[in-house]
Amino acid sequence: MTVQDEIDDQQMIINKLRQLESEHRDLDDVIERLADDKPFDQLKLQRLKKRKLILKDEMTLLRSRILPDIIA
C-alpha cells in the first residue's frame, strides 16, 4: 500500500465518521422530539435509541482506525 493509498483510506474513514456523527446528532433531535410528544411510541423510541448505540459503536471503531496505536 502506498502512502497515497493510506491517505485516501484515512480520508474515506474520516468522511464516513462525519456522516455517522451527523446521523447520530439527528437521532438525538428525533428522540428528544418523540419523547416530548404525549403519548409517545415506546417501540419507536427504543428502535431509535438502539440505532443511536449502533452508530456510536461504528464511530468508535472508525476512530480507532484513524488514531495511531500508542504503545505504553
C-alpha atoms as a PDB file:
ATOM      1  CA  MET A   1       0.000   0.000   0.000  1.00  0.00           C
ATOM      2  CA  THR A   2       1.420   3.357  -0.989  1.00  0.00           C
ATOM      3  CA  VAL A   3       1.416   6.437   1.186  1.00  0.00           C
ATOM      4  CA  GLN A   4      -1.223   7.973  -1.087  1.00  0.00           C
ATOM      5  CA  ASP A   5      -3.425   4.901  -0.657  1.00  0.00           C
ATOM      6  CA  GLU A   6      -3.115   5.229   3.116  1.00  0.00           C
ATOM      7  CA  ILE A   7      -4.014   8.920   2.947  1.00  0.00           C
ATOM      8  CA  ASP A   8      -7.018   8.146   0.733  1.00  0.00           C
ATOM      9  CA  ASP A   9      -8.099   5.390   3.123  1.00  0.00           C
ATOM     10  CA  GLN A  10      -7.806   7.745   6.106  1.00  0.00           C
ATOM     11  CA  GLN A  11      -9.833  10.403   4.284  1.00  0.00           C
ATOM     12  CA  MET A  12     -12.528   7.874   3.433  1.00  0.00           C
ATOM     13  CA  ILE A  13     -12.725   6.830   7.092  1.00  0.00           C
ATOM     14  CA  ILE A  14     -12.924  10.463   8.225  1.00  0.00           C
ATOM     15  CA  ASN A  15     -15.727  11.170   5.750  1.00  0.00           C
ATOM     16  CA  LYS A  16     -17.684   8.122   6.932  1.00  0.00           C
ATOM     17  CA  LEU A  17     -17.132   9.177  10.544  1.00  0.00           C
ATOM     18  CA  ARG A  18     -18.529  12.654   9.826  1.00  0.00           C
ATOM     19  CA  GLN A  19     -21.556  11.105   8.161  1.00  0.00           C
ATOM     20  CA  LEU A  20     -22.203   8.848  11.163  1.00  0.00           C
ATOM     21  CA  GLU A  21     -21.742  11.747  13.590  1.00  0.00           C
ATOM     22  CA  SER A  22     -24.314  13.763  11.667  1.00  0.00           C
ATOM     23  CA  GLU A  23     -26.812  10.904  11.734  1.00  0.00           C
ATOM     24  CA  HIS A  24     -26.135  10.441  15.469  1.00  0.00           C
ATOM     25  CA  ARG A  25     -26.918  14.135  16.128  1.00  0.00           C
ATOM     26  CA  ASP A  26     -30.058  13.902  14.003  1.00  0.00           C
ATOM     27  CA  LEU A  27     -31.229  10.916  16.022  1.00  0.00           C
ATOM     28  CA  ASP A  28     -30.707  12.948  19.209  1.00  0.00           C
ATOM     29  CA  ASP A  29     -33.114  15.550  17.871  1.00  0.00           C
ATOM     30  CA  VAL A  30     -35.683  12.979  16.744  1.00  0.00           C
ATOM     31  CA  ILE A  31     -35.548  11.140  20.083  1.00  0.00           C
ATOM     32  CA  GLU A  32     -35.957  14.378  22.006  1.00  0.00           C
ATOM     33  CA  ARG A  33     -38.994  15.428  19.929  1.00  0.00           C
ATOM     34  CA  LEU A  34     -40.543  11.976  20.172  1.00  0.00           C
ATOM     35  CA  ALA A  35     -40.116  11.900  23.947  1.00  0.00           C
ATOM     36  CA  ASP A  36     -41.806  15.328  24.207  1.00  0.00           C
ATOM     37  CA  ASP A  37     -44.946  14.056  22.452  1.00  0.00           C
ATOM     38  CA  LYS A  38     -47.525  12.574  24.782  1.00  0.00           C
ATOM     39  CA  PRO A  39     -48.273   9.747  24.418  1.00  0.00           C
ATOM     40  CA  PHE A  40     -45.130   8.633  22.594  1.00  0.00           C
ATOM     41  CA  ASP A  41     -44.417   5.439  20.716  1.00  0.00           C
ATOM     42  CA  GLN A  42     -42.240   3.439  23.111  1.00  0.00           C
ATOM     43  CA  LEU A  43     -41.245   0.859  20.472  1.00  0.00           C
ATOM     44  CA  LYS A  44     -40.171   3.538  18.010  1.00  0.00           C
ATOM     45  CA  LEU A  45     -38.199   5.283  20.746  1.00  0.00           C
ATOM     46  CA  GLN A  46     -36.404   2.036  21.628  1.00  0.00           C
ATOM     47  CA  ARG A  47     -35.540   1.402  17.985  1.00  0.00           C
ATOM     48  CA  LEU A  48     -34.134   4.905  17.562  1.00  0.00           C
ATOM     49  CA  LYS A  49     -32.039   4.552  20.708  1.00  0.00           C
ATOM     50  CA  LYS A  50     -30.748   1.189  19.525  1.00  0.00           C
ATOM     51  CA  ARG A  51     -29.777   2.703  16.164  1.00  0.00           C
ATOM     52  CA  LYS A  52     -28.020   5.511  18.006  1.00  0.00           C
ATOM     53  CA  LEU A  53     -25.989   2.983  20.024  1.00  0.00           C
ATOM     54  CA  ILE A  54     -25.049   1.117  16.848  1.00  0.00           C
ATOM     55  CA  LEU A  55     -23.854   4.382  15.320  1.00  0.00           C
ATOM     56  CA  LYS A  56     -21.816   5.135  18.430  1.00  0.00           C
ATOM     57  CA  ASP A  57     -20.122   1.723  18.189  1.00  0.00           C
ATOM     58  CA  GLU A  58     -19.366   2.285  14.494  1.00  0.00           C
ATOM     59  CA  MET A  59     -17.912   5.721  15.248  1.00  0.00           C
ATOM     60  CA  THR A  60     -15.717   4.280  17.990  1.00  0.00           C
ATOM     61  CA  LEU A  61     -14.432   1.625  15.606  1.00  0.00           C
ATOM     62  CA  LEU A  62     -13.661   4.188  12.897  1.00  0.00           C
ATOM     63  CA  ARG A  63     -11.915   6.496  15.364  1.00  0.00           C
ATOM     64  CA  SER A  64      -9.715   3.618  16.471  1.00  0.00           C
ATOM     65  CA  ARG A  65      -8.716   3.069  12.826  1.00  0.00           C
ATOM     66  CA  ILE A  66      -7.619   6.657  12.281  1.00  0.00           C
ATOM     67  CA  LEU A  67      -5.834   7.186  15.589  1.00  0.00           C
ATOM     68  CA  PRO A  68      -2.403   5.593  15.733  1.00  0.00           C
ATOM     69  CA  ASP A  69      -1.817   2.879  18.284  1.00  0.00           C
ATOM     70  CA  ILE A  70       0.241   4.137  21.194  1.00  0.00           C
ATOM     71  CA  ILE A  71       2.401   1.582  22.931  1.00  0.00           C
ATOM     72  CA  ALA A  72       2.774   2.478  26.594  1.00  0.00           C
END
